[in-house]
Amino acid sequence: MLVEDDFPICGERGWQGVLRVMQALQQGHDTPSPETTKIWGGFVGTGGSGLILHRTLLPILASTLRLHALTSSPFPPFMARRPADVIIQDCLLGVDPLCPTASSSKDVAEGIWFARKQPTMVITSRLVMDHIGGNASTSKGRVYDSNKWRCGWRHPFHGRPEVIVMPV
């Protein structure tokens, strides 16, 4: 699980949410149903914090991040550069062409880049990680409202077809 130092877990309710997501992730990875893909990760926070990666995805994700970091990009021009946390999120959602659940290469070659409609990630219905450093971003010129992305906020991916939602 990736966690930034200004994202504490929201008490016992938060820990229970993390455990439920991890259990669903392992079960969804080990025993996918015939109509779904494997579940590769979970997400209980926002940004880069609270991303939970199945261990089998790590080699793929490491290569994906390295390729995205190259100065001469091997990707088509329609794919904008993204920060590492967004690349990881896109990988878990199945929208990055280098990740296991990405759209077919035919779709990417035709300039169509979208997520599959099958679940590939498990999330909590509400954020179970608090963001206590919202007013001190690491990005130059980026300012966050310190009241945003706090314990109990609706998860930003809630409602997407690529996620399984664990109520908390």
C-alpha atoms as a PDB file:
ATOM      1  CA  MET A   1       0.000   0.000   0.000  1.00  0.00           C
ATOM      2  CA  LEU A   2       1.343   3.421  -0.930  1.00  0.00           C
ATOM      3  CA  VAL A   3       0.846   6.072   1.751  1.00  0.00           C
ATOM      4  CA  GLU A   4       2.074   9.660   1.997  1.00  0.00           C
ATOM      5  CA  ASP A   5       3.055  10.986   5.423  1.00  0.00           C
ATOM      6  CA  ASP A   6       0.133  13.433   5.568  1.00  0.00           C
ATOM      7  CA  PHE A   7      -2.588  10.799   4.996  1.00  0.00           C
ATOM      8  CA  PRO A   8      -3.363   9.012   8.285  1.00  0.00           C
ATOM      9  CA  ILE A   9      -5.945   6.228   8.342  1.00  0.00           C
ATOM     10  CA  CYS A  10      -9.282   7.305   9.804  1.00  0.00           C
ATOM     11  CA  GLY A  11      -9.368   5.318  13.038  1.00  0.00           C
ATOM     12  CA  GLU A  12     -10.897   1.866  13.437  1.00  0.00           C
ATOM     13  CA  ARG A  13     -13.463   2.465  10.673  1.00  0.00           C
ATOM     14  CA  GLY A  14     -10.592   3.275   8.330  1.00  0.00           C
ATOM     15  CA  TRP A  15      -8.622   0.159   9.235  1.00  0.00           C
ATOM     16  CA  GLN A  16     -11.713  -2.004   8.718  1.00  0.00           C
ATOM     17  CA  GLY A  17     -12.190  -0.425   5.283  1.00  0.00           C
ATOM     18  CA  VAL A  18      -8.558  -1.126   4.346  1.00  0.00           C
ATOM     19  CA  LEU A  19      -8.893  -4.757   5.482  1.00  0.00           C
ATOM     20  CA  ARG A  20     -12.131  -5.263   3.538  1.00  0.00           C
ATOM     21  CA  VAL A  21     -10.574  -3.860   0.374  1.00  0.00           C
ATOM     22  CA  MET A  22      -7.469  -6.035   0.780  1.00  0.00           C
ATOM     23  CA  GLN A  23      -9.587  -9.161   1.310  1.00  0.00           C
ATOM     24  CA  ALA A  24     -11.732  -8.376  -1.742  1.00  0.00           C
ATOM     25  CA  LEU A  25      -8.598  -7.645  -3.781  1.00  0.00           C
ATOM     26  CA  GLN A  26      -7.029 -11.006  -2.939  1.00  0.00           C
ATOM     27  CA  GLN A  27     -10.263 -12.893  -3.574  1.00  0.00           C
ATOM     28  CA  GLY A  28     -10.912 -11.023  -6.844  1.00  0.00           C
ATOM     29  CA  HIS A  29      -7.373 -11.670  -8.038  1.00  0.00           C
ATOM     30  CA  ASP A  30      -7.277 -15.353  -7.138  1.00  0.00           C
ATOM     31  CA  THR A  31     -10.786 -16.307  -8.256  1.00  0.00           C
ATOM     32  CA  PRO A  32     -12.057 -13.975 -10.973  1.00  0.00           C
ATOM     33  CA  SER A  33     -15.416 -14.950 -12.414  1.00  0.00           C
ATOM     34  CA  PRO A  34     -15.578 -15.939 -16.101  1.00  0.00           C
ATOM     35  CA  GLU A  35     -17.119 -12.592 -17.041  1.00  0.00           C
ATOM     36  CA  THR A  36     -14.624 -10.393 -15.188  1.00  0.00           C
ATOM     37  CA  THR A  37     -10.914  -9.709 -15.266  1.00  0.00           C
ATOM     38  CA  LYS A  38      -8.600 -10.142 -12.313  1.00  0.00           C
ATOM     39  CA  ILE A  39      -8.706  -7.448  -9.674  1.00  0.00           C
ATOM     40  CA  TRP A  40      -5.253  -5.824  -9.584  1.00  0.00           C
ATOM     41  CA  GLY A  41      -5.549  -3.208  -6.848  1.00  0.00           C
ATOM     42  CA  GLY A  42      -7.498  -1.181  -4.361  1.00  0.00           C
ATOM     43  CA  PHE A  43      -7.829   2.468  -3.461  1.00  0.00           C
ATOM     44  CA  VAL A  44      -8.915   3.831  -0.078  1.00  0.00           C
ATOM     45  CA  GLY A  45      -7.527   7.384  -0.243  1.00  0.00           C
ATOM     46  CA  THR A  46      -6.943   9.983  -2.907  1.00  0.00           C
ATOM     47  CA  GLY A  47      -4.044  11.089  -5.085  1.00  0.00           C
ATOM     48  CA  GLY A  48      -1.135   8.714  -4.545  1.00  0.00           C
ATOM     49  CA  SER A  49      -2.086   7.704  -1.007  1.00  0.00           C
ATOM     50  CA  GLY A  50      -4.106   4.626  -0.246  1.00  0.00           C
ATOM     51  CA  LEU A  51      -3.282   2.819  -3.489  1.00  0.00           C
ATOM     52  CA  ILE A  52      -3.105  -0.907  -2.767  1.00  0.00           C
ATOM     53  CA  LEU A  53      -1.285  -2.990  -5.375  1.00  0.00           C
ATOM     54  CA  HIS A  54      -1.465  -6.751  -5.765  1.00  0.00           C
ATOM     55  CA  ARG A  55       2.077  -8.107  -5.603  1.00  0.00           C
ATOM     56  CA  THR A  56       1.778  -9.717  -9.052  1.00  0.00           C
ATOM     57  CA  LEU A  57       1.263  -6.284 -10.629  1.00  0.00           C
ATOM     58  CA  LEU A  58       4.500  -4.790  -9.257  1.00  0.00           C
ATOM     59  CA  PRO A  59       6.864  -5.883 -12.084  1.00  0.00           C
ATOM     60  CA  ILE A  60       4.395  -4.662 -14.721  1.00  0.00           C
ATOM     61  CA  LEU A  61       3.830  -1.386 -12.903  1.00  0.00           C
ATOM     62  CA  ALA A  62       7.579  -0.774 -12.463  1.00  0.00           C
ATOM     63  CA  SER A  63       8.115  -1.197 -16.217  1.00  0.00           C
ATOM     64  CA  THR A  64       5.088   0.953 -16.988  1.00  0.00           C
ATOM     65  CA  LEU A  65       6.349   3.810 -14.809  1.00  0.00           C
ATOM     66  CA  ARG A  66       9.836   3.597 -16.376  1.00  0.00           C
ATOM     67  CA  LEU A  67       8.437   3.757 -19.906  1.00  0.00           C
ATOM     68  CA  HIS A  68       6.216   6.715 -19.042  1.00  0.00           C
ATOM     69  CA  ALA A  69       9.247   8.521 -17.576  1.00  0.00           C
ATOM     70  CA  LEU A  70      11.336   8.301 -20.756  1.00  0.00           C
ATOM     71  CA  THR A  71      12.156  11.666 -22.312  1.00  0.00           C
ATOM     72  CA  SER A  72      11.429  10.371 -25.815  1.00  0.00           C
ATOM     73  CA  SER A  73       8.038   8.823 -25.237  1.00  0.00           C
ATOM     74  CA  PRO A  74       7.127   5.632 -27.084  1.00  0.00           C
ATOM     75  CA  PHE A  75       3.433   6.518 -26.728  1.00  0.00           C
ATOM     76  CA  PRO A  76       1.094   8.006 -29.340  1.00  0.00           C
ATOM     77  CA  PRO A  77       0.766  11.820 -29.297  1.00  0.00           C
ATOM     78  CA  PHE A  78      -2.829  11.699 -28.002  1.00  0.00           C
ATOM     79  CA  MET A  79      -1.581  10.270 -24.688  1.00  0.00           C
ATOM     80  CA  ALA A  80      -0.662  13.231 -22.518  1.00  0.00           C
ATOM     81  CA  ARG A  81       2.073  12.924 -19.896  1.00  0.00           C
ATOM     82  CA  ARG A  82       0.689  12.198 -16.440  1.00  0.00           C
ATOM     83  CA  PRO A  83       2.092  12.244 -12.904  1.00  0.00           C
ATOM     84  CA  ALA A  84       3.087   8.887 -11.377  1.00  0.00           C
ATOM     85  CA  ASP A  85       0.026   8.673  -9.099  1.00  0.00           C
ATOM     86  CA  VAL A  86      -2.315   9.116 -12.074  1.00  0.00           C
ATOM     87  CA  ILE A  87      -0.393   6.486 -14.085  1.00  0.00           C
ATOM     88  CA  ILE A  88      -0.819   4.022 -11.202  1.00  0.00           C
ATOM     89  CA  GLN A  89      -4.534   4.863 -10.901  1.00  0.00           C
ATOM     90  CA  ASP A  90      -4.979   4.436 -14.665  1.00  0.00           C
ATOM     91  CA  CYS A  91      -3.148   1.117 -14.531  1.00  0.00           C
ATOM     92  CA  LEU A  92      -5.426  -0.153 -11.774  1.00  0.00           C
ATOM     93  CA  LEU A  93      -8.503   1.078 -13.656  1.00  0.00           C
ATOM     94  CA  GLY A  94      -7.340  -0.719 -16.800  1.00  0.00           C
ATOM     95  CA  VAL A  95      -6.967   2.383 -18.968  1.00  0.00           C
ATOM     96  CA  ASP A  96      -3.186   2.389 -19.396  1.00  0.00           C
ATOM     97  CA  PRO A  97      -2.251   0.419 -22.540  1.00  0.00           C
ATOM     98  CA  LEU A  98       0.700  -1.259 -20.775  1.00  0.00           C
ATOM     99  CA  CYS A  99      -1.344  -2.700 -17.933  1.00  0.00           C
ATOM    100  CA  PRO A 100      -3.051  -6.116 -17.913  1.00  0.00           C
ATOM    101  CA  THR A 101      -6.621  -4.894 -18.308  1.00  0.00           C
ATOM    102  CA  ALA A 102      -6.037  -2.155 -20.872  1.00  0.00           C
ATOM    103  CA  SER A 103      -8.108  -1.798 -24.023  1.00  0.00           C
ATOM    104  CA  SER A 104      -6.973  -3.807 -27.011  1.00  0.00           C
ATOM    105  CA  SER A 105      -4.031  -2.579 -29.076  1.00  0.00           C
ATOM    106  CA  LYS A 106      -6.468  -2.105 -31.989  1.00  0.00           C
ATOM    107  CA  ASP A 107      -8.436   0.415 -29.910  1.00  0.00           C
ATOM    108  CA  VAL A 108      -5.266   2.275 -28.898  1.00  0.00           C
ATOM    109  CA  ALA A 109      -3.971   2.297 -32.492  1.00  0.00           C
ATOM    110  CA  GLU A 110      -7.213   3.928 -33.596  1.00  0.00           C
ATOM    111  CA  GLY A 111      -6.853   6.640 -30.959  1.00  0.00           C
ATOM    112  CA  ILE A 112      -9.555   5.292 -28.675  1.00  0.00           C
ATOM    113  CA  TRP A 113      -8.408   5.184 -25.055  1.00  0.00           C
ATOM    114  CA  PHE A 114     -10.975   4.127 -22.481  1.00  0.00           C
ATOM    115  CA  ALA A 115     -11.363   1.861 -19.479  1.00  0.00           C
ATOM    116  CA  ARG A 116     -12.976  -1.531 -19.720  1.00  0.00           C
ATOM    117  CA  LYS A 117     -16.351  -1.739 -18.104  1.00  0.00           C
ATOM    118  CA  GLN A 118     -15.362  -4.764 -16.024  1.00  0.00           C
ATOM    119  CA  PRO A 119     -14.198  -4.208 -12.447  1.00  0.00           C
ATOM    120  CA  THR A 120     -10.411  -4.068 -12.083  1.00  0.00           C
ATOM    121  CA  MET A 121     -10.120  -2.268  -8.726  1.00  0.00           C
ATOM    122  CA  VAL A 122     -11.729  -2.370  -5.278  1.00  0.00           C
ATOM    123  CA  ILE A 123     -12.446   0.910  -3.461  1.00  0.00           C
ATOM    124  CA  THR A 124     -14.103   2.016  -0.251  1.00  0.00           C
ATOM    125  CA  SER A 125     -17.357   3.937  -0.684  1.00  0.00           C
ATOM    126  CA  ARG A 126     -15.910   6.761   1.405  1.00  0.00           C
ATOM    127  CA  LEU A 127     -12.329   7.879   1.904  1.00  0.00           C
ATOM    128  CA  VAL A 128     -10.806   6.117   4.897  1.00  0.00           C
ATOM    129  CA  MET A 129      -7.630   8.208   4.864  1.00  0.00           C
ATOM    130  CA  ASP A 130      -7.511  11.815   6.038  1.00  0.00           C
ATOM    131  CA  HIS A 131      -5.511  14.480   4.192  1.00  0.00           C
ATOM    132  CA  ILE A 132      -3.990  16.655   6.906  1.00  0.00           C
ATOM    133  CA  GLY A 133      -1.443  18.385   4.654  1.00  0.00           C
ATOM    134  CA  GLY A 134      -3.814  19.666   1.991  1.00  0.00           C
ATOM    135  CA  ASN A 135      -2.488  23.196   2.152  1.00  0.00           C
ATOM    136  CA  ALA A 136       1.144  22.123   1.590  1.00  0.00           C
ATOM    137  CA  SER A 137       1.293  20.489  -1.828  1.00  0.00           C
ATOM    138  CA  THR A 138       4.513  19.286  -3.395  1.00  0.00           C
ATOM    139  CA  SER A 139       3.500  20.676  -6.783  1.00  0.00           C
ATOM    140  CA  LYS A 140       4.599  24.233  -7.503  1.00  0.00           C
ATOM    141  CA  GLY A 141       1.661  26.623  -7.603  1.00  0.00           C
ATOM    142  CA  ARG A 142      -0.857  23.954  -6.635  1.00  0.00           C
ATOM    143  CA  VAL A 143      -3.143  24.847  -3.735  1.00  0.00           C
ATOM    144  CA  TYR A 144      -5.668  22.517  -2.110  1.00  0.00           C
ATOM    145  CA  ASP A 145      -8.634  23.382   0.044  1.00  0.00           C
ATOM    146  CA  SER A 146      -7.653  21.966   3.451  1.00  0.00           C
ATOM    147  CA  ASN A 147     -11.257  20.802   3.979  1.00  0.00           C
ATOM    148  CA  LYS A 148     -11.186  18.572   0.886  1.00  0.00           C
ATOM    149  CA  TRP A 149     -10.317  14.893   0.658  1.00  0.00           C
ATOM    150  CA  ARG A 150     -10.943  14.172   4.322  1.00  0.00           C
ATOM    151  CA  CYS A 151     -12.250  11.150   6.220  1.00  0.00           C
ATOM    152  CA  GLY A 152     -15.730  10.226   5.091  1.00  0.00           C
ATOM    153  CA  TRP A 153     -15.701  12.053   1.746  1.00  0.00           C
ATOM    154  CA  ARG A 154     -17.289  10.086  -1.091  1.00  0.00           C
ATOM    155  CA  HIS A 155     -14.523   8.236  -2.935  1.00  0.00           C
ATOM    156  CA  PRO A 156     -13.727  10.082  -6.197  1.00  0.00           C
ATOM    157  CA  PHE A 157     -13.968   6.812  -8.202  1.00  0.00           C
ATOM    158  CA  HIS A 158     -17.329   5.825  -6.689  1.00  0.00           C
ATOM    159  CA  GLY A 159     -19.788   5.206  -9.525  1.00  0.00           C
ATOM    160  CA  ARG A 160     -17.204   4.171 -12.126  1.00  0.00           C
ATOM    161  CA  PRO A 161     -17.929   0.818 -13.780  1.00  0.00           C
ATOM    162  CA  GLU A 162     -14.305  -0.296 -13.342  1.00  0.00           C
ATOM    163  CA  VAL A 163     -14.539  -0.446  -9.551  1.00  0.00           C
ATOM    164  CA  ILE A 164     -16.092  -2.681  -6.936  1.00  0.00           C
ATOM    165  CA  VAL A 165     -17.293  -0.574  -4.005  1.00  0.00           C
ATOM    166  CA  MET A 166     -16.921  -1.790  -0.433  1.00  0.00           C
ATOM    167  CA  PRO A 167     -19.328   0.132   1.820  1.00  0.00           C
ATOM    168  CA  VAL A 168     -17.809   1.749   4.921  1.00  0.00           C
END
